[in-house]
Amino acid sequence: MEANDSSVPFALLRRFTAAESAIYPLAMTDPEGYERVVTVVGTVFRQLREDCSTVDALVERLPAATEQAAELAAAEGLSVDPGVIADAAAVLRYRELRS
């Protein structure tokens, strides 16, 4: 499948955008927590990059990405929703696939 906006449901794109919006405010209120969250997002993103060569594969991999994010967040002592972390990583991969 070609990676374009029509390949992903609008609701999922909104969820991806909301995830980014949920993480960025941490930079102002908890810079150290923000750094840890960004590190976890980066780890999940790298796994998505390795595992997902198409948008379809990315969408299918989201549940596993959320599980990975949950494990990593717990190890880092983060209280951020693992789904938000996975979605933030997924939007990075989605943009990469689109370009």
C-alpha atoms as a PDB file:
ATOM      1  CA  MET A   1       0.000   0.000   0.000  1.00  0.00           C
ATOM      2  CA  GLU A   2       1.256   3.435  -0.819  1.00  0.00           C
ATOM      3  CA  ALA A   3       1.790   5.574   2.265  1.00  0.00           C
ATOM      4  CA  ASN A   4      -0.569   8.524   2.032  1.00  0.00           C
ATOM      5  CA  ASP A   5      -3.247  10.118   4.181  1.00  0.00           C
ATOM      6  CA  SER A   6      -6.001   8.003   2.631  1.00  0.00           C
ATOM      7  CA  SER A   7      -4.244   4.810   3.765  1.00  0.00           C
ATOM      8  CA  VAL A   8      -4.858   5.524   7.451  1.00  0.00           C
ATOM      9  CA  PRO A   9      -8.245   6.225   9.020  1.00  0.00           C
ATOM     10  CA  PHE A  10      -8.749   9.846  10.001  1.00  0.00           C
ATOM     11  CA  ALA A  11      -9.420   8.818  13.614  1.00  0.00           C
ATOM     12  CA  LEU A  12      -5.996   7.194  13.800  1.00  0.00           C
ATOM     13  CA  LEU A  13      -4.292  10.280  12.402  1.00  0.00           C
ATOM     14  CA  ARG A  14      -6.088  12.361  15.034  1.00  0.00           C
ATOM     15  CA  ARG A  15      -4.902   9.928  17.706  1.00  0.00           C
ATOM     16  CA  PHE A  16      -1.322  10.271  16.449  1.00  0.00           C
ATOM     17  CA  THR A  17      -1.544  14.066  16.618  1.00  0.00           C
ATOM     18  CA  ALA A  18      -3.093  13.944  20.089  1.00  0.00           C
ATOM     19  CA  ALA A  19      -0.214  11.774  21.297  1.00  0.00           C
ATOM     20  CA  GLU A  20       2.337  14.352  20.255  1.00  0.00           C
ATOM     21  CA  SER A  21       0.271  17.072  21.887  1.00  0.00           C
ATOM     22  CA  ALA A  22       0.145  15.107  25.133  1.00  0.00           C
ATOM     23  CA  ILE A  23       3.916  14.649  25.312  1.00  0.00           C
ATOM     24  CA  TYR A  24       5.217  18.122  24.427  1.00  0.00           C
ATOM     25  CA  PRO A  25       3.916  19.925  27.555  1.00  0.00           C
ATOM     26  CA  LEU A  26       6.175  17.729  29.682  1.00  0.00           C
ATOM     27  CA  ALA A  27       9.132  19.691  28.341  1.00  0.00           C
ATOM     28  CA  MET A  28       7.902  22.715  30.286  1.00  0.00           C
ATOM     29  CA  THR A  29       6.692  21.011  33.440  1.00  0.00           C
ATOM     30  CA  ASP A  30       9.037  18.021  33.811  1.00  0.00           C
ATOM     31  CA  PRO A  31      12.116  18.310  31.593  1.00  0.00           C
ATOM     32  CA  GLU A  32      13.742  15.165  32.980  1.00  0.00           C
ATOM     33  CA  GLY A  33      10.531  13.182  32.498  1.00  0.00           C
ATOM     34  CA  TYR A  34      10.242  14.602  29.002  1.00  0.00           C
ATOM     35  CA  GLU A  35      13.745  13.375  28.179  1.00  0.00           C
ATOM     36  CA  ARG A  36      12.883   9.892  29.438  1.00  0.00           C
ATOM     37  CA  VAL A  37       9.642   9.848  27.436  1.00  0.00           C
ATOM     38  CA  VAL A  38      11.454  10.978  24.293  1.00  0.00           C
ATOM     39  CA  THR A  39      14.024   8.226  24.814  1.00  0.00           C
ATOM     40  CA  VAL A  40      11.244   5.624  25.049  1.00  0.00           C
ATOM     41  CA  VAL A  41       9.484   7.081  21.998  1.00  0.00           C
ATOM     42  CA  GLY A  42      12.776   6.823  20.124  1.00  0.00           C
ATOM     43  CA  THR A  43      13.242   3.194  21.116  1.00  0.00           C
ATOM     44  CA  VAL A  44       9.721   2.265  20.005  1.00  0.00           C
ATOM     45  CA  PHE A  45      10.183   4.272  16.797  1.00  0.00           C
ATOM     46  CA  ARG A  46      13.384   2.419  15.922  1.00  0.00           C
ATOM     47  CA  GLN A  47      11.569  -0.890  16.370  1.00  0.00           C
ATOM     48  CA  LEU A  48       8.716   0.322  14.167  1.00  0.00           C
ATOM     49  CA  ARG A  49      11.223   1.386  11.543  1.00  0.00           C
ATOM     50  CA  GLU A  50      12.745  -2.077  11.588  1.00  0.00           C
ATOM     51  CA  ASP A  51       9.404  -3.929  11.578  1.00  0.00           C
ATOM     52  CA  CYS A  52       7.182  -1.769   9.369  1.00  0.00           C
ATOM     53  CA  SER A  53       7.970  -1.135   5.738  1.00  0.00           C
ATOM     54  CA  THR A  54       4.394  -0.113   4.897  1.00  0.00           C
ATOM     55  CA  VAL A  55       1.600   1.858   6.507  1.00  0.00           C
ATOM     56  CA  ASP A  56      -0.470  -1.329   6.749  1.00  0.00           C
ATOM     57  CA  ALA A  57       2.315  -3.014   8.701  1.00  0.00           C
ATOM     58  CA  LEU A  58       2.554   0.016  10.961  1.00  0.00           C
ATOM     59  CA  VAL A  59      -1.146  -0.074  11.772  1.00  0.00           C
ATOM     60  CA  GLU A  60      -0.983  -3.819  12.448  1.00  0.00           C
ATOM     61  CA  ARG A  61       2.032  -3.375  14.733  1.00  0.00           C
ATOM     62  CA  LEU A  62       0.433  -0.732  16.984  1.00  0.00           C
ATOM     63  CA  PRO A  63      -0.766  -3.165  19.699  1.00  0.00           C
ATOM     64  CA  ALA A  64       2.718  -4.679  20.003  1.00  0.00           C
ATOM     65  CA  ALA A  65       4.241  -1.193  20.030  1.00  0.00           C
ATOM     66  CA  THR A  66       1.957  -0.261  22.910  1.00  0.00           C
ATOM     67  CA  GLU A  67       3.091  -3.341  24.832  1.00  0.00           C
ATOM     68  CA  GLN A  68       6.713  -2.437  24.198  1.00  0.00           C
ATOM     69  CA  ALA A  69       6.055   1.131  25.316  1.00  0.00           C
ATOM     70  CA  ALA A  70       4.382  -0.124  28.508  1.00  0.00           C
ATOM     71  CA  GLU A  71       7.414  -2.235  29.410  1.00  0.00           C
ATOM     72  CA  LEU A  72       9.870   0.554  28.671  1.00  0.00           C
ATOM     73  CA  ALA A  73       7.801   3.195  30.463  1.00  0.00           C
ATOM     74  CA  ALA A  74       7.541   1.007  33.554  1.00  0.00           C
ATOM     75  CA  ALA A  75      11.313   0.477  33.537  1.00  0.00           C
ATOM     76  CA  GLU A  76      11.790   4.255  33.354  1.00  0.00           C
ATOM     77  CA  GLY A  77       9.198   4.955  36.048  1.00  0.00           C
ATOM     78  CA  LEU A  78       7.044   6.977  33.652  1.00  0.00           C
ATOM     79  CA  SER A  79       3.370   7.618  34.260  1.00  0.00           C
ATOM     80  CA  VAL A  80       2.648   8.530  30.625  1.00  0.00           C
ATOM     81  CA  ASP A  81       0.051   6.330  28.931  1.00  0.00           C
ATOM     82  CA  PRO A  82       1.938   3.695  26.898  1.00  0.00           C
ATOM     83  CA  GLY A  83      -0.586   4.112  24.086  1.00  0.00           C
ATOM     84  CA  VAL A  84       0.413   7.762  23.832  1.00  0.00           C
ATOM     85  CA  ILE A  85       4.078   6.790  23.655  1.00  0.00           C
ATOM     86  CA  ALA A  86       3.399   4.166  20.968  1.00  0.00           C
ATOM     87  CA  ASP A  87       1.271   6.585  18.956  1.00  0.00           C
ATOM     88  CA  ALA A  88       3.966   9.281  19.142  1.00  0.00           C
ATOM     89  CA  ALA A  89       6.497   6.778  17.816  1.00  0.00           C
ATOM     90  CA  ALA A  90       4.050   5.589  15.159  1.00  0.00           C
ATOM     91  CA  VAL A  91       3.428   9.084  13.828  1.00  0.00           C
ATOM     92  CA  LEU A  92       7.163   9.510  13.333  1.00  0.00           C
ATOM     93  CA  ARG A  93       7.297   6.293  11.311  1.00  0.00           C
ATOM     94  CA  TYR A  94       4.139   7.234   9.448  1.00  0.00           C
ATOM     95  CA  ARG A  95       5.673  10.533   8.359  1.00  0.00           C
ATOM     96  CA  GLU A  96       8.819   8.748   7.327  1.00  0.00           C
ATOM     97  CA  LEU A  97       6.836   6.293   5.206  1.00  0.00           C
ATOM     98  CA  ARG A  98       4.942   9.155   3.565  1.00  0.00           C
ATOM     99  CA  SER A  99       8.074  10.988   2.509  1.00  0.00           C
END
